[in-house]
Amino acid sequence: MDYVNLGSTGLKVSRICLGCMTYGTSAWRDWVLDEADAKPFIRRAWEAGINFFDTADMYSKGASEIVLGRALREMAVPREQVVVATKVFNPMGETPNERGLSRKHIMHAIDASLKRLELDYVDLYQIHRFDKSTPIEETLEALDAVVRAGKALHIGASSMDAWRFAKMLNASDRRGLARFATMQNHYNLVYREEEREMIPFCRDEGIGLIPWSPLARGFLAGNRSKTDKGETTRAKSDEFAHTLYYDEGDFAVVDRVSEIATARGVSNAQVALAWVLAQPGVTAPIIGASKPHHLDDAIAALGVKLTDAEIARLAEPYRPHPVLGH
């Protein structure tokens, strides 16, 4: 396993981050693995050298954090060796103050997340989306208070407009508040709109990129068609994915991935992930795993070094998309 700095921080993370949205309770989504089935994946990732785990309070309505926390405790993973990231923003209750990025919700949410994770602090606390209903200064001051209280070491952001992210960074710099270290954005071979503004901006600012859905929710595996949404439970029921991909041009990209994968004798997933890993500024793509070969492919992708010609061929079929995933 390779390890790199998380953005401009001194924190060292594995080049692959295990996303834990897949783990929690199937009562939340039918493709989510319950605790007993989820824990072997967390163990396998840890044994393979992955030290970076990403979850969120809203995944399985908190159960994902519980599963991750229990797994780490049962494996007796030393706290100084593991990097845990979670997020705040989405509704965690029915009332108006149980969501968003207000100071009140952030203060409640961090304590609730730490309790579920069974941790004294998280390494990375991320805003899951941008909250248009809360002044950015209030959000930034609350996040700064979380860091100063020792409940989070670093803060990060996720999908939003680049101009909004720029405003938040400027405000934190002017006020001397904790600065975002990472951007968790939507980025893969069939969705590259982030290359226009967000990715160049993050590279210039020293913000680490930890893309979500680097395999386009499995679309790049090459097992989907225009009439058949796929063979997996998630592919069949994940309506959100169906709004993100499946354009005519998306299938052309997958065909190119398949062509290069076949020539190399590796899987589509390895090629698609190797492409993301090769992009400047990318710290660690966040991968999901519900089958053993998902983890195996992700780890193997670290050894796939694409040539400049292959990278160009993979990029060539792409066609512009509307903004997706914010």
C-alpha atoms as a PDB file:
ATOM      1  CA  MET A   1       0.000   0.000   0.000  1.00  0.00           C
ATOM      2  CA  ASP A   2       1.154   3.514  -0.783  1.00  0.00           C
ATOM      3  CA  TYR A   3       0.636   6.385   1.658  1.00  0.00           C
ATOM      4  CA  VAL A   4       0.470  10.098   0.912  1.00  0.00           C
ATOM      5  CA  ASN A   5      -0.246  13.322   2.769  1.00  0.00           C
ATOM      6  CA  LEU A   6      -3.903  14.273   3.095  1.00  0.00           C
ATOM      7  CA  GLY A   7      -3.858  17.491   1.099  1.00  0.00           C
ATOM      8  CA  SER A   8      -1.405  19.942   2.648  1.00  0.00           C
ATOM      9  CA  THR A   9      -1.636  18.365   6.105  1.00  0.00           C
ATOM     10  CA  GLY A  10       0.929  16.082   7.699  1.00  0.00           C
ATOM     11  CA  LEU A  11      -1.627  13.293   8.043  1.00  0.00           C
ATOM     12  CA  LYS A  12      -0.652  10.195   6.070  1.00  0.00           C
ATOM     13  CA  VAL A  13      -3.433   8.224   4.384  1.00  0.00           C
ATOM     14  CA  SER A  14      -3.543   5.178   2.146  1.00  0.00           C
ATOM     15  CA  ARG A  15      -3.992   5.863  -1.569  1.00  0.00           C
ATOM     16  CA  ILE A  16      -7.288   4.004  -1.347  1.00  0.00           C
ATOM     17  CA  CYS A  17     -10.037   5.056   1.056  1.00  0.00           C
ATOM     18  CA  LEU A  18     -12.736   2.546   1.986  1.00  0.00           C
ATOM     19  CA  GLY A  19     -16.151   4.172   1.797  1.00  0.00           C
ATOM     20  CA  CYS A  20     -18.584   2.781   4.345  1.00  0.00           C
ATOM     21  CA  MET A  21     -21.905   3.810   2.821  1.00  0.00           C
ATOM     22  CA  THR A  22     -22.303   0.130   1.870  1.00  0.00           C
ATOM     23  CA  TYR A  23     -22.193  -0.941   5.538  1.00  0.00           C
ATOM     24  CA  GLY A  24     -24.912  -0.446   8.119  1.00  0.00           C
ATOM     25  CA  THR A  25     -28.387  -1.883   7.758  1.00  0.00           C
ATOM     26  CA  SER A  26     -30.313  -3.227   4.787  1.00  0.00           C
ATOM     27  CA  ALA A  27     -33.423  -1.642   6.309  1.00  0.00           C
ATOM     28  CA  TRP A  28     -32.067   1.671   4.987  1.00  0.00           C
ATOM     29  CA  ARG A  29     -31.209   0.500   1.451  1.00  0.00           C
ATOM     30  CA  ASP A  30     -31.583  -3.052   0.130  1.00  0.00           C
ATOM     31  CA  TRP A  31     -28.002  -3.089  -1.175  1.00  0.00           C
ATOM     32  CA  VAL A  32     -26.433  -2.193   2.184  1.00  0.00           C
ATOM     33  CA  LEU A  33     -24.652  -4.979   4.063  1.00  0.00           C
ATOM     34  CA  ASP A  34     -25.701  -5.643   7.637  1.00  0.00           C
ATOM     35  CA  GLU A  35     -23.066  -5.645  10.376  1.00  0.00           C
ATOM     36  CA  ALA A  36     -22.060  -9.312  10.236  1.00  0.00           C
ATOM     37  CA  ASP A  37     -21.536  -9.188   6.480  1.00  0.00           C
ATOM     38  CA  ALA A  38     -19.852  -5.776   6.560  1.00  0.00           C
ATOM     39  CA  LYS A  39     -17.132  -6.393   9.120  1.00  0.00           C
ATOM     40  CA  PRO A  40     -15.062  -8.815   6.963  1.00  0.00           C
ATOM     41  CA  PHE A  41     -14.630  -6.049   4.367  1.00  0.00           C
ATOM     42  CA  ILE A  42     -13.358  -3.593   6.954  1.00  0.00           C
ATOM     43  CA  ARG A  43     -10.948  -6.234   8.259  1.00  0.00           C
ATOM     44  CA  ARG A  44      -9.765  -7.140   4.755  1.00  0.00           C
ATOM     45  CA  ALA A  45      -9.148  -3.476   3.949  1.00  0.00           C
ATOM     46  CA  TRP A  46      -7.180  -2.947   7.158  1.00  0.00           C
ATOM     47  CA  GLU A  47      -5.088  -6.070   6.599  1.00  0.00           C
ATOM     48  CA  ALA A  48      -4.325  -4.871   3.059  1.00  0.00           C
ATOM     49  CA  GLY A  49      -2.891  -1.635   4.418  1.00  0.00           C
ATOM     50  CA  ILE A  50      -5.877   0.663   3.950  1.00  0.00           C
ATOM     51  CA  ASN A  51      -5.834   3.016   6.946  1.00  0.00           C
ATOM     52  CA  PHE A  52      -8.416   5.535   5.656  1.00  0.00           C
ATOM     53  CA  PHE A  53     -12.133   4.947   6.254  1.00  0.00           C
ATOM     54  CA  ASP A  54     -14.929   7.330   5.237  1.00  0.00           C
ATOM     55  CA  THR A  55     -18.492   7.298   6.524  1.00  0.00           C
ATOM     56  CA  ALA A  56     -21.289   9.784   7.296  1.00  0.00           C
ATOM     57  CA  ASP A  57     -23.905  10.248   9.974  1.00  0.00           C
ATOM     58  CA  MET A  58     -26.748   9.814   7.485  1.00  0.00           C
ATOM     59  CA  TYR A  59     -25.539   6.485   6.079  1.00  0.00           C
ATOM     60  CA  SER A  60     -28.041   3.909   7.359  1.00  0.00           C
ATOM     61  CA  LYS A  61     -29.222   6.666   9.733  1.00  0.00           C
ATOM     62  CA  GLY A  62     -26.128   6.300  11.894  1.00  0.00           C
ATOM     63  CA  ALA A  63     -25.694   2.539  11.657  1.00  0.00           C
ATOM     64  CA  SER A  64     -22.725   2.867   9.297  1.00  0.00           C
ATOM     65  CA  GLU A  65     -20.771   4.770  11.939  1.00  0.00           C
ATOM     66  CA  ILE A  66     -21.738   2.179  14.547  1.00  0.00           C
ATOM     67  CA  VAL A  67     -20.569  -0.714  12.355  1.00  0.00           C
ATOM     68  CA  LEU A  68     -17.256   0.966  11.537  1.00  0.00           C
ATOM     69  CA  GLY A  69     -16.603   1.889  15.156  1.00  0.00           C
ATOM     70  CA  ARG A  70     -17.345  -1.612  16.424  1.00  0.00           C
ATOM     71  CA  ALA A  71     -15.237  -3.231  13.716  1.00  0.00           C
ATOM     72  CA  LEU A  72     -12.204  -1.098  14.565  1.00  0.00           C
ATOM     73  CA  ARG A  73     -12.649  -1.771  18.282  1.00  0.00           C
ATOM     74  CA  GLU A  74     -13.080  -5.519  17.833  1.00  0.00           C
ATOM     75  CA  MET A  75      -9.978  -5.650  15.629  1.00  0.00           C
ATOM     76  CA  ALA A  76      -8.109  -3.723  18.334  1.00  0.00           C
ATOM     77  CA  VAL A  77      -6.887  -1.209  15.763  1.00  0.00           C
ATOM     78  CA  PRO A  78      -4.599   1.322  17.501  1.00  0.00           C
ATOM     79  CA  ARG A  79      -6.205   4.763  17.283  1.00  0.00           C
ATOM     80  CA  GLU A  80      -2.949   6.390  16.179  1.00  0.00           C
ATOM     81  CA  GLN A  81      -2.790   4.085  13.151  1.00  0.00           C
ATOM     82  CA  VAL A  82      -6.236   4.629  11.636  1.00  0.00           C
ATOM     83  CA  VAL A  83      -7.743   7.638   9.873  1.00  0.00           C
ATOM     84  CA  VAL A  84     -11.514   8.026  10.263  1.00  0.00           C
ATOM     85  CA  ALA A  85     -13.614  10.529   8.351  1.00  0.00           C
ATOM     86  CA  THR A  86     -17.302  11.290   8.737  1.00  0.00           C
ATOM     87  CA  LYS A  87     -19.733  13.963   7.566  1.00  0.00           C
ATOM     88  CA  VAL A  88     -22.506  16.327   8.659  1.00  0.00           C
ATOM     89  CA  PHE A  89     -25.382  18.038   6.797  1.00  0.00           C
ATOM     90  CA  ASN A  90     -28.171  15.623   5.918  1.00  0.00           C
ATOM     91  CA  PRO A  91     -31.298  15.183   8.075  1.00  0.00           C
ATOM     92  CA  MET A  92     -30.836  13.063  11.194  1.00  0.00           C
ATOM     93  CA  GLY A  93     -34.312  13.658  12.555  1.00  0.00           C
ATOM     94  CA  GLU A  94     -37.671  15.142  11.694  1.00  0.00           C
ATOM     95  CA  THR A  95     -37.228  18.605  13.220  1.00  0.00           C
ATOM     96  CA  PRO A  96     -35.638  21.607  11.410  1.00  0.00           C
ATOM     97  CA  ASN A  97     -32.554  21.836  13.647  1.00  0.00           C
ATOM     98  CA  GLU A  98     -31.531  18.226  13.036  1.00  0.00           C
ATOM     99  CA  ARG A  99     -30.020  18.980   9.632  1.00  0.00           C
ATOM    100  CA  GLY A 100     -27.881  21.498   7.770  1.00  0.00           C
ATOM    101  CA  LEU A 101     -24.749  23.326   8.845  1.00  0.00           C
ATOM    102  CA  SER A 102     -25.980  25.572  11.634  1.00  0.00           C
ATOM    103  CA  ARG A 103     -23.805  25.877  14.730  1.00  0.00           C
ATOM    104  CA  LYS A 104     -26.504  24.073  16.725  1.00  0.00           C
ATOM    105  CA  HIS A 105     -26.668  21.078  14.406  1.00  0.00           C
ATOM    106  CA  ILE A 106     -22.907  20.781  13.967  1.00  0.00           C
ATOM    107  CA  MET A 107     -22.357  20.760  17.752  1.00  0.00           C
ATOM    108  CA  HIS A 108     -24.974  18.060  18.260  1.00  0.00           C
ATOM    109  CA  ALA A 109     -23.913  16.077  15.196  1.00  0.00           C
ATOM    110  CA  ILE A 110     -20.221  15.782  16.064  1.00  0.00           C
ATOM    111  CA  ASP A 111     -21.000  14.465  19.541  1.00  0.00           C
ATOM    112  CA  ALA A 112     -23.522  11.985  18.143  1.00  0.00           C
ATOM    113  CA  SER A 113     -21.045  10.768  15.516  1.00  0.00           C
ATOM    114  CA  LEU A 114     -18.262  10.307  18.066  1.00  0.00           C
ATOM    115  CA  LYS A 115     -20.601   8.318  20.303  1.00  0.00           C
ATOM    116  CA  ARG A 116     -21.628   6.020  17.456  1.00  0.00           C
ATOM    117  CA  LEU A 117     -18.025   5.598  16.292  1.00  0.00           C
ATOM    118  CA  GLU A 118     -16.803   5.036  19.885  1.00  0.00           C
ATOM    119  CA  LEU A 119     -14.027   7.566  19.308  1.00  0.00           C
ATOM    120  CA  ASP A 120     -12.749  10.639  21.136  1.00  0.00           C
ATOM    121  CA  TYR A 121     -12.102  12.425  17.843  1.00  0.00           C
ATOM    122  CA  VAL A 122     -12.324  11.985  14.089  1.00  0.00           C
ATOM    123  CA  ASP A 123      -9.402  12.712  11.824  1.00  0.00           C
ATOM    124  CA  LEU A 124     -11.534  14.432   9.184  1.00  0.00           C
ATOM    125  CA  TYR A 125     -14.937  16.071   9.713  1.00  0.00           C
ATOM    126  CA  GLN A 126     -16.617  16.999   6.438  1.00  0.00           C
ATOM    127  CA  ILE A 127     -19.609  19.078   5.415  1.00  0.00           C
ATOM    128  CA  HIS A 128     -21.596  16.692   3.228  1.00  0.00           C
ATOM    129  CA  ARG A 129     -23.070  19.452   1.055  1.00  0.00           C
ATOM    130  CA  PHE A 130     -23.354  23.254   1.025  1.00  0.00           C
ATOM    131  CA  ASP A 131     -26.077  24.747   3.222  1.00  0.00           C
ATOM    132  CA  LYS A 132     -27.677  27.739   1.510  1.00  0.00           C
ATOM    133  CA  SER A 133     -29.799  28.498   4.572  1.00  0.00           C
ATOM    134  CA  THR A 134     -26.907  29.111   6.985  1.00  0.00           C
ATOM    135  CA  PRO A 135     -24.321  31.936   6.806  1.00  0.00           C
ATOM    136  CA  ILE A 136     -20.955  30.490   5.881  1.00  0.00           C
ATOM    137  CA  GLU A 137     -19.344  32.357   8.805  1.00  0.00           C
ATOM    138  CA  GLU A 138     -21.579  30.500  11.264  1.00  0.00           C
ATOM    139  CA  THR A 139     -20.664  27.159   9.724  1.00  0.00           C
ATOM    140  CA  LEU A 140     -16.946  27.923   9.664  1.00  0.00           C
ATOM    141  CA  GLU A 141     -16.895  29.179  13.258  1.00  0.00           C
ATOM    142  CA  ALA A 142     -18.708  26.038  14.404  1.00  0.00           C
ATOM    143  CA  LEU A 143     -16.254  23.785  12.540  1.00  0.00           C
ATOM    144  CA  ASP A 144     -13.356  25.755  14.025  1.00  0.00           C
ATOM    145  CA  ALA A 145     -14.832  25.204  17.502  1.00  0.00           C
ATOM    146  CA  VAL A 146     -15.015  21.457  16.790  1.00  0.00           C
ATOM    147  CA  VAL A 147     -11.319  21.434  15.880  1.00  0.00           C
ATOM    148  CA  ARG A 148     -10.312  23.580  18.870  1.00  0.00           C
ATOM    149  CA  ALA A 149     -12.251  21.258  21.170  1.00  0.00           C
ATOM    150  CA  GLY A 150     -10.164  18.349  19.874  1.00  0.00           C
ATOM    151  CA  LYS A 151     -13.152  16.548  18.397  1.00  0.00           C
ATOM    152  CA  ALA A 152     -11.731  16.677  14.854  1.00  0.00           C
ATOM    153  CA  LEU A 153      -8.173  17.092  13.601  1.00  0.00           C
ATOM    154  CA  HIS A 154      -9.054  18.460  10.164  1.00  0.00           C
ATOM    155  CA  ILE A 155     -12.135  19.592   8.278  1.00  0.00           C
ATOM    156  CA  GLY A 156     -13.211  18.859   4.732  1.00  0.00           C
ATOM    157  CA  ALA A 157     -15.962  19.699   2.257  1.00  0.00           C
ATOM    158  CA  SER A 158     -17.908  17.795  -0.356  1.00  0.00           C
ATOM    159  CA  SER A 159     -19.702  18.476  -3.627  1.00  0.00           C
ATOM    160  CA  MET A 160     -20.556  22.144  -4.174  1.00  0.00           C
ATOM    161  CA  ASP A 161     -19.948  24.965  -6.648  1.00  0.00           C
ATOM    162  CA  ALA A 162     -16.312  26.026  -6.836  1.00  0.00           C
ATOM    163  CA  TRP A 163     -17.212  29.679  -6.243  1.00  0.00           C
ATOM    164  CA  ARG A 164     -18.978  28.789  -2.995  1.00  0.00           C
ATOM    165  CA  PHE A 165     -15.957  26.765  -1.858  1.00  0.00           C
ATOM    166  CA  ALA A 166     -13.694  29.705  -2.731  1.00  0.00           C
ATOM    167  CA  LYS A 167     -15.847  32.016  -0.605  1.00  0.00           C
ATOM    168  CA  MET A 168     -15.651  29.635   2.342  1.00  0.00           C
ATOM    169  CA  LEU A 169     -11.870  29.325   2.109  1.00  0.00           C
ATOM    170  CA  ASN A 170     -11.507  33.083   1.843  1.00  0.00           C
ATOM    171  CA  ALA A 171     -13.708  33.614   4.904  1.00  0.00           C
ATOM    172  CA  SER A 172     -11.782  31.071   6.980  1.00  0.00           C
ATOM    173  CA  ASP A 173      -8.461  32.663   5.992  1.00  0.00           C
ATOM    174  CA  ARG A 174      -9.671  36.181   6.826  1.00  0.00           C
ATOM    175  CA  ARG A 175     -11.001  35.104  10.210  1.00  0.00           C
ATOM    176  CA  GLY A 176      -8.127  32.803  11.132  1.00  0.00           C
ATOM    177  CA  LEU A 177     -10.387  29.765  11.343  1.00  0.00           C
ATOM    178  CA  ALA A 178      -9.694  26.100  10.625  1.00  0.00           C
ATOM    179  CA  ARG A 179      -9.209  25.663   6.894  1.00  0.00           C
ATOM    180  CA  PHE A 180     -10.669  22.919   4.727  1.00  0.00           C
ATOM    181  CA  ALA A 181      -8.018  20.298   4.008  1.00  0.00           C
ATOM    182  CA  THR A 182      -9.998  18.203   1.529  1.00  0.00           C
ATOM    183  CA  MET A 183     -12.695  18.221  -1.132  1.00  0.00           C
ATOM    184  CA  GLN A 184     -14.750  15.064  -1.587  1.00  0.00           C
ATOM    185  CA  ASN A 185     -16.175  15.591  -5.050  1.00  0.00           C
ATOM    186  CA  HIS A 186     -17.918  13.602  -7.759  1.00  0.00           C
ATOM    187  CA  TYR A 187     -15.253  12.527 -10.239  1.00  0.00           C
ATOM    188  CA  ASN A 188     -14.746   9.587 -12.580  1.00  0.00           C
ATOM    189  CA  LEU A 189     -14.239   8.811 -16.259  1.00  0.00           C
ATOM    190  CA  VAL A 190     -17.907   9.398 -17.127  1.00  0.00           C
ATOM    191  CA  TYR A 191     -18.281  12.547 -15.006  1.00  0.00           C
ATOM    192  CA  ARG A 192     -15.413  15.022 -15.390  1.00  0.00           C
ATOM    193  CA  GLU A 193     -17.119  18.401 -15.039  1.00  0.00           C
ATOM    194  CA  GLU A 194     -15.063  19.009 -11.886  1.00  0.00           C
ATOM    195  CA  GLU A 195     -12.021  19.461 -14.129  1.00  0.00           C
ATOM    196  CA  ARG A 196     -13.380  22.852 -15.241  1.00  0.00           C
ATOM    197  CA  GLU A 197     -13.117  24.728 -11.938  1.00  0.00           C
ATOM    198  CA  MET A 198     -13.084  22.722  -8.711  1.00  0.00           C
ATOM    199  CA  ILE A 199     -10.103  20.466  -9.368  1.00  0.00           C
ATOM    200  CA  PRO A 200      -7.740  23.191 -10.656  1.00  0.00           C
ATOM    201  CA  PHE A 201      -8.805  25.414  -7.769  1.00  0.00           C
ATOM    202  CA  CYS A 202      -8.130  22.681  -5.194  1.00  0.00           C
ATOM    203  CA  ARG A 203      -4.718  21.938  -6.687  1.00  0.00           C
ATOM    204  CA  ASP A 204      -3.817  25.622  -6.510  1.00  0.00           C
ATOM    205  CA  GLU A 205      -4.986  25.864  -2.889  1.00  0.00           C
ATOM    206  CA  GLY A 206      -3.334  22.636  -1.731  1.00  0.00           C
ATOM    207  CA  ILE A 207      -6.677  20.963  -1.043  1.00  0.00           C
ATOM    208  CA  GLY A 208      -6.580  17.165  -1.208  1.00  0.00           C
ATOM    209  CA  LEU A 209      -9.081  15.539  -3.568  1.00  0.00           C
ATOM    210  CA  ILE A 210     -10.820  12.403  -2.292  1.00  0.00           C
ATOM    211  CA  PRO A 211     -13.344  11.686  -5.076  1.00  0.00           C
ATOM    212  CA  TRP A 212     -16.555   9.815  -4.436  1.00  0.00           C
ATOM    213  CA  SER A 213     -17.913   7.317  -6.948  1.00  0.00           C
ATOM    214  CA  PRO A 214     -14.593   6.862  -8.807  1.00  0.00           C
ATOM    215  CA  LEU A 215     -16.128   3.848 -10.580  1.00  0.00           C
ATOM    216  CA  ALA A 216     -19.423   5.646 -11.272  1.00  0.00           C
ATOM    217  CA  ARG A 217     -21.321   3.429  -8.841  1.00  0.00           C
ATOM    218  CA  GLY A 218     -20.102   0.379 -10.747  1.00  0.00           C
ATOM    219  CA  PHE A 219     -21.176   1.713 -14.137  1.00  0.00           C
ATOM    220  CA  LEU A 220     -17.573   1.622 -15.393  1.00  0.00           C
ATOM    221  CA  ALA A 221     -17.363  -2.119 -14.631  1.00  0.00           C
ATOM    222  CA  GLY A 222     -19.008  -2.642 -18.005  1.00  0.00           C
ATOM    223  CA  ASN A 223     -21.930  -4.810 -16.904  1.00  0.00           C
ATOM    224  CA  ARG A 224     -24.716  -2.330 -17.704  1.00  0.00           C
ATOM    225  CA  SER A 225     -26.683  -1.711 -20.871  1.00  0.00           C
ATOM    226  CA  LYS A 226     -29.186   0.887 -21.999  1.00  0.00           C
ATOM    227  CA  THR A 227     -32.050  -1.504 -21.300  1.00  0.00           C
ATOM    228  CA  ASP A 228     -30.618  -3.458 -18.360  1.00  0.00           C
ATOM    229  CA  LYS A 229     -29.480  -1.428 -15.343  1.00  0.00           C
ATOM    230  CA  GLY A 230     -27.167  -4.192 -14.201  1.00  0.00           C
ATOM    231  CA  GLU A 231     -26.956  -7.477 -12.383  1.00  0.00           C
ATOM    232  CA  THR A 232     -26.365  -6.246  -8.823  1.00  0.00           C
ATOM    233  CA  THR A 233     -29.038  -5.334  -6.294  1.00  0.00           C
ATOM    234  CA  ARG A 234     -27.669  -1.817  -6.064  1.00  0.00           C
ATOM    235  CA  ALA A 235     -27.563  -1.347  -9.822  1.00  0.00           C
ATOM    236  CA  LYS A 236     -31.214  -2.324 -10.075  1.00  0.00           C
ATOM    237  CA  SER A 237     -32.484  -0.197  -7.193  1.00  0.00           C
ATOM    238  CA  ASP A 238     -30.113   2.784  -7.048  1.00  0.00           C
ATOM    239  CA  GLU A 239     -32.290   5.377  -8.760  1.00  0.00           C
ATOM    240  CA  PHE A 240     -29.782   8.122  -7.943  1.00  0.00           C
ATOM    241  CA  ALA A 241     -27.171   6.403 -10.104  1.00  0.00           C
ATOM    242  CA  HIS A 242     -29.650   6.186 -12.945  1.00  0.00           C
ATOM    243  CA  THR A 243     -29.911   9.997 -12.911  1.00  0.00           C
ATOM    244  CA  LEU A 244     -26.132  10.380 -13.022  1.00  0.00           C
ATOM    245  CA  TYR A 245     -25.078   8.019 -15.799  1.00  0.00           C
ATOM    246  CA  TYR A 246     -26.489   5.980 -18.724  1.00  0.00           C
ATOM    247  CA  ASP A 247     -26.193   8.687 -21.406  1.00  0.00           C
ATOM    248  CA  GLU A 248     -25.154   7.516 -24.874  1.00  0.00           C
ATOM    249  CA  GLY A 249     -21.690   9.009 -24.440  1.00  0.00           C
ATOM    250  CA  ASP A 250     -21.224   7.275 -21.095  1.00  0.00           C
ATOM    251  CA  PHE A 251     -21.386   3.884 -22.783  1.00  0.00           C
ATOM    252  CA  ALA A 252     -18.726   5.004 -25.276  1.00  0.00           C
ATOM    253  CA  VAL A 253     -16.403   5.737 -22.355  1.00  0.00           C
ATOM    254  CA  VAL A 254     -17.086   2.303 -20.869  1.00  0.00           C
ATOM    255  CA  ASP A 255     -16.301   0.690 -24.223  1.00  0.00           C
ATOM    256  CA  ARG A 256     -12.915   2.424 -24.220  1.00  0.00           C
ATOM    257  CA  VAL A 257     -12.229   1.250 -20.669  1.00  0.00           C
ATOM    258  CA  SER A 258     -13.129  -2.299 -21.681  1.00  0.00           C
ATOM    259  CA  GLU A 259     -10.816  -2.102 -24.702  1.00  0.00           C
ATOM    260  CA  ILE A 260      -7.799  -1.094 -22.620  1.00  0.00           C
ATOM    261  CA  ALA A 261      -8.658  -3.514 -19.803  1.00  0.00           C
ATOM    262  CA  THR A 262      -8.860  -6.407 -22.262  1.00  0.00           C
ATOM    263  CA  ALA A 263      -5.544  -5.465 -23.851  1.00  0.00           C
ATOM    264  CA  ARG A 264      -3.890  -5.384 -20.417  1.00  0.00           C
ATOM    265  CA  GLY A 265      -5.626  -8.499 -19.116  1.00  0.00           C
ATOM    266  CA  VAL A 266      -7.094  -6.700 -16.099  1.00  0.00           C
ATOM    267  CA  SER A 267     -10.606  -5.711 -15.036  1.00  0.00           C
ATOM    268  CA  ASN A 268     -12.447  -2.565 -16.073  1.00  0.00           C
ATOM    269  CA  ALA A 269     -12.480  -1.453 -12.445  1.00  0.00           C
ATOM    270  CA  GLN A 270      -8.683  -1.555 -12.241  1.00  0.00           C
ATOM    271  CA  VAL A 271      -8.290   0.583 -15.351  1.00  0.00           C
ATOM    272  CA  ALA A 272     -10.967   3.102 -14.351  1.00  0.00           C
ATOM    273  CA  LEU A 273      -9.547   3.469 -10.864  1.00  0.00           C
ATOM    274  CA  ALA A 274      -5.975   3.677 -12.153  1.00  0.00           C
ATOM    275  CA  TRP A 275      -7.096   6.616 -14.316  1.00  0.00           C
ATOM    276  CA  VAL A 276      -8.449   8.477 -11.272  1.00  0.00           C
ATOM    277  CA  LEU A 277      -5.295   7.710  -9.282  1.00  0.00           C
ATOM    278  CA  ALA A 278      -3.201   9.169 -12.110  1.00  0.00           C
ATOM    279  CA  GLN A 279      -4.967  12.545 -12.030  1.00  0.00           C
ATOM    280  CA  PRO A 280      -2.925  15.380 -10.441  1.00  0.00           C
ATOM    281  CA  GLY A 281      -4.214  16.433  -7.047  1.00  0.00           C
ATOM    282  CA  VAL A 282      -6.075  13.215  -6.251  1.00  0.00           C
ATOM    283  CA  THR A 283      -5.123  11.982  -2.784  1.00  0.00           C
ATOM    284  CA  ALA A 284      -7.300   8.894  -2.358  1.00  0.00           C
ATOM    285  CA  PRO A 285     -10.405   7.820  -4.287  1.00  0.00           C
ATOM    286  CA  ILE A 286     -13.200   6.535  -2.050  1.00  0.00           C
ATOM    287  CA  ILE A 287     -14.195   3.053  -3.130  1.00  0.00           C
ATOM    288  CA  GLY A 288     -17.140   0.943  -2.037  1.00  0.00           C
ATOM    289  CA  ALA A 289     -16.937  -2.824  -1.651  1.00  0.00           C
ATOM    290  CA  SER A 290     -19.770  -5.300  -1.255  1.00  0.00           C
ATOM    291  CA  LYS A 291     -18.002  -8.268  -2.868  1.00  0.00           C
ATOM    292  CA  PRO A 292     -14.433  -9.491  -2.222  1.00  0.00           C
ATOM    293  CA  HIS A 293     -13.286  -8.731  -5.762  1.00  0.00           C
ATOM    294  CA  HIS A 294     -14.234  -5.055  -5.310  1.00  0.00           C
ATOM    295  CA  LEU A 295     -11.473  -4.653  -2.731  1.00  0.00           C
ATOM    296  CA  ASP A 296      -9.086  -6.842  -4.706  1.00  0.00           C
ATOM    297  CA  ASP A 297      -9.594  -4.709  -7.829  1.00  0.00           C
ATOM    298  CA  ALA A 298      -9.097  -1.473  -5.920  1.00  0.00           C
ATOM    299  CA  ILE A 299      -5.842  -2.644  -4.375  1.00  0.00           C
ATOM    300  CA  ALA A 300      -4.619  -4.086  -7.691  1.00  0.00           C
ATOM    301  CA  ALA A 301      -5.336  -0.754  -9.403  1.00  0.00           C
ATOM    302  CA  LEU A 302      -2.430   0.767  -7.470  1.00  0.00           C
ATOM    303  CA  GLY A 303      -0.118  -1.375  -9.567  1.00  0.00           C
ATOM    304  CA  VAL A 304      -1.674  -0.420 -12.904  1.00  0.00           C
ATOM    305  CA  LYS A 305       0.388   2.418 -14.343  1.00  0.00           C
ATOM    306  CA  LEU A 306      -1.337   3.735 -17.438  1.00  0.00           C
ATOM    307  CA  THR A 307       0.728   5.189 -20.259  1.00  0.00           C
ATOM    308  CA  ASP A 308       0.151   8.735 -21.482  1.00  0.00           C
ATOM    309  CA  ALA A 309      -1.368   7.264 -24.633  1.00  0.00           C
ATOM    310  CA  GLU A 310      -3.795   5.105 -22.638  1.00  0.00           C
ATOM    311  CA  ILE A 311      -4.814   8.056 -20.463  1.00  0.00           C
ATOM    312  CA  ALA A 312      -5.493  10.101 -23.582  1.00  0.00           C
ATOM    313  CA  ARG A 313      -7.529   7.285 -25.156  1.00  0.00           C
ATOM    314  CA  LEU A 314      -9.608   6.898 -22.004  1.00  0.00           C
ATOM    315  CA  ALA A 315     -10.349  10.617 -21.918  1.00  0.00           C
ATOM    316  CA  GLU A 316     -11.116  11.023 -25.633  1.00  0.00           C
ATOM    317  CA  PRO A 317     -14.769   9.762 -25.778  1.00  0.00           C
ATOM    318  CA  TYR A 318     -15.985  12.029 -22.950  1.00  0.00           C
ATOM    319  CA  ARG A 319     -18.801  14.439 -23.646  1.00  0.00           C
ATOM    320  CA  PRO A 320     -19.887  17.312 -21.352  1.00  0.00           C
ATOM    321  CA  HIS A 321     -22.583  16.716 -18.724  1.00  0.00           C
ATOM    322  CA  PRO A 322     -24.836  18.984 -16.709  1.00  0.00           C
ATOM    323  CA  VAL A 323     -23.663  19.423 -13.110  1.00  0.00           C
ATOM    324  CA  LEU A 324     -24.515  16.202 -11.249  1.00  0.00           C
ATOM    325  CA  GLY A 325     -24.185  15.188  -7.644  1.00  0.00           C
ATOM    326  CA  HIS A 326     -24.332  18.542  -5.856  1.00  0.00           C
END
